[in-house]
Every structure is written in C-alpha cells, then in structure tokens.
Amino acid sequence: QVQLVESGGGLVQAGGSLRLSCAASGRTFSSYAMGWFRQAPGKEREFVAAINWSGGSTAHADSVEGRFTVSRDNAKNTVYLQMNSLKPEDTAVYYCAARESPGGSYYTLGRRYDYWGQGTQVTVSS
C-alpha cells in the first residue's frame, strides 16, 4: 500500500514557476513508477509527466515539454514536478500517481496507476 501526498501548488502569475512535490509512504518507493496528471474544470484528466523507478527514464506531455521537468529523490521518497514558464492553461488540479514497476517502465495512461494522491491546485493568472 502506498499513500501519496502532493504539495507545492498555489497561485502564480503567467511566466512564473512552481515546484510540486509528492511524498510517498512505504519502503518500496524506489520500485515504483510515478506519474503526474492534471484535471482542469470541465475537462478530462490528462497526462503531464512520468518517471521510472530509477529516474533514468522520463516522459513529458507535448504541452509541457521544455517547461516542466519531472524528477525524483528515492532517499526522500519524493517525486517532483518543476514547472517553469507557466501559462493560464496550466491551471488545474495536479495529481501524482504510483504503480509498482521494478522492471523500469513508466506509464502515460492514468488507468495503469494503482495509487493516487488527493491533488494540489495550481492556478496561473494572466
């Protein structure tokens, strides 16, 4: 069982930066693939970024490529999402997700994940 707690959301002006954190419980965090997803009001949840257990493989959605960076610190049981050059269209609730994946894969589909955090609100003003 893994529990995930996101933090770091808030209100920021367009062009600004935020770093989201997702703290995970459990001793096997280092074997989990992690993902970030977001959901804006009236829209479906969408993939943002993913990272495999070692941090050696990552993926980012086209809409955030070059602006957002996913990373992890297995010693701290934490995954991060550094968000730069934020745009109003990045406004959403951001969720982290986890799935045990010792083989080194990451996942871009939400349905592949077994555990989800409660989400953190990110609001970007124009």
Protein backbone atom coordinates (compact mmCIF):
# COMPACT_ATOMS: atom_id res chain seq x y z
CA GLN A 1 0.00 0.00 0.00
CA VAL A 2 1.30 3.44 -0.93
CA GLN A 3 -0.04 6.76 0.24
CA LEU A 4 0.74 9.87 -1.78
CA VAL A 5 0.55 13.47 -0.60
CA GLU A 6 1.06 16.35 -3.04
CA SER A 7 2.16 19.83 -2.04
CA GLY A 8 3.52 22.99 -3.60
CA GLY A 9 0.52 24.21 -5.51
CA GLY A 10 -0.70 27.78 -5.38
CA LEU A 11 -1.43 30.95 -7.31
CA VAL A 12 1.23 32.28 -9.65
CA GLN A 13 1.36 34.81 -12.45
CA ALA A 14 1.89 33.74 -16.03
CA GLY A 15 5.57 33.20 -16.70
CA GLY A 16 6.25 32.19 -13.13
CA SER A 17 7.40 28.90 -11.63
CA LEU A 18 6.24 26.37 -9.09
CA ARG A 19 7.66 23.09 -7.86
CA LEU A 20 5.22 20.40 -6.88
CA SER A 21 6.23 17.62 -4.54
CA CYS A 22 4.66 14.23 -3.98
CA ALA A 23 5.69 12.45 -0.81
CA ALA A 24 5.11 8.72 -0.72
CA SER A 25 4.83 6.35 2.19
CA GLY A 26 6.11 2.82 2.02
CA ARG A 27 9.55 1.26 1.96
CA THR A 28 9.41 0.19 -1.67
CA PHE A 29 9.04 3.64 -3.21
CA SER A 30 12.19 3.09 -5.21
CA SER A 31 10.49 0.29 -7.18
CA TYR A 32 7.54 2.45 -8.21
CA ALA A 33 6.97 4.29 -11.45
CA MET A 34 5.46 7.69 -10.77
CA GLY A 35 3.27 9.94 -12.84
CA TRP A 36 1.84 13.45 -12.76
CA PHE A 37 -1.60 14.17 -14.16
CA ARG A 38 -3.84 17.21 -14.12
CA GLN A 39 -7.51 17.99 -14.46
CA ALA A 40 -8.94 21.37 -15.26
CA PRO A 41 -12.59 22.24 -14.57
CA GLY A 42 -14.86 20.69 -17.15
CA LYS A 43 -12.03 18.75 -18.76
CA GLU A 44 -10.79 15.20 -18.60
CA ARG A 45 -7.73 14.23 -16.64
CA GLU A 46 -4.62 14.45 -18.76
CA PHE A 47 -1.10 13.10 -18.57
CA VAL A 48 1.63 15.57 -17.66
CA ALA A 49 4.81 13.63 -16.89
CA ALA A 50 6.11 10.23 -15.82
CA ILE A 51 9.32 8.80 -14.43
CA ASN A 52 10.56 5.28 -13.92
CA TRP A 53 11.83 3.89 -10.63
CA SER A 54 15.42 4.99 -11.09
CA GLY A 55 14.74 8.37 -12.63
CA GLY A 56 16.66 7.32 -15.69
CA SER A 57 13.64 7.42 -17.99
CA THR A 58 11.11 10.20 -18.16
CA ALA A 59 8.31 11.39 -20.39
CA HIS A 60 6.50 14.71 -20.67
CA ALA A 61 3.34 15.69 -22.47
CA ASP A 62 3.88 17.79 -25.59
CA SER A 63 2.00 20.67 -23.95
CA VAL A 64 4.59 20.94 -21.16
CA GLU A 65 7.75 19.73 -22.92
CA GLY A 66 10.59 22.15 -22.31
CA ARG A 67 8.75 23.90 -19.47
CA PHE A 68 8.10 21.13 -16.93
CA THR A 69 10.58 18.61 -15.57
CA VAL A 70 9.82 15.51 -13.53
CA SER A 71 12.43 14.15 -11.12
CA ARG A 72 12.63 12.01 -8.01
CA ASP A 73 14.67 11.50 -4.89
CA ASN A 74 14.29 7.91 -3.73
CA ALA A 75 16.14 8.62 -0.50
CA LYS A 76 13.37 11.08 0.38
CA ASN A 77 10.50 9.03 -1.10
CA THR A 78 9.55 12.08 -3.13
CA VAL A 79 8.84 12.89 -6.74
CA TYR A 80 8.90 16.45 -8.04
CA LEU A 81 7.42 18.42 -10.89
CA GLN A 82 9.31 21.61 -11.66
CA MET A 83 7.04 23.90 -13.62
CA ASN A 84 8.52 26.93 -15.38
CA SER A 85 7.08 29.48 -17.80
CA LEU A 86 3.61 28.74 -16.52
CA LYS A 87 0.62 29.65 -18.65
CA PRO A 88 -3.02 30.23 -17.69
CA GLU A 89 -3.89 26.99 -19.49
CA ASP A 90 -1.77 25.10 -16.95
CA THR A 91 -4.39 25.90 -14.32
CA ALA A 92 -5.67 22.60 -12.93
CA VAL A 93 -5.61 20.24 -10.00
CA TYR A 94 -2.39 18.26 -10.24
CA TYR A 95 -2.25 14.66 -9.07
CA CYS A 96 0.61 12.27 -8.58
CA ALA A 97 0.18 8.56 -9.11
CA ALA A 98 2.21 5.43 -8.42
CA ARG A 99 2.49 1.91 -9.77
CA GLU A 100 4.97 -0.76 -8.79
CA SER A 101 7.29 -1.22 -11.74
CA PRO A 102 10.64 -2.74 -10.84
CA GLY A 103 11.30 -3.53 -14.47
CA GLY A 104 11.99 0.09 -15.28
CA SER A 105 8.90 1.11 -17.24
CA TYR A 106 6.95 4.31 -16.82
CA TYR A 107 3.33 4.84 -17.81
CA THR A 108 1.48 7.66 -19.50
CA LEU A 109 -2.04 6.26 -19.09
CA GLY A 110 -3.84 7.02 -15.87
CA ARG A 111 -5.53 3.65 -15.76
CA ARG A 112 -2.14 1.96 -15.42
CA TYR A 113 -1.60 3.51 -11.98
CA ASP A 114 -2.77 1.92 -8.75
CA TYR A 115 -2.36 4.74 -6.24
CA TRP A 116 -3.30 8.40 -6.39
CA GLY A 117 -2.81 11.45 -4.23
CA GLN A 118 -5.52 13.91 -3.28
CA GLY A 119 -4.29 16.60 -5.65
CA THR A 120 -2.96 20.13 -5.31
CA GLN A 121 -4.43 23.19 -7.02
CA VAL A 122 -2.30 25.21 -9.41
CA THR A 123 -3.75 28.50 -10.62
CA VAL A 124 -1.94 30.65 -13.17
CA SER A 125 -3.23 34.19 -13.61
CA SER A 126 -2.81 36.13 -16.84
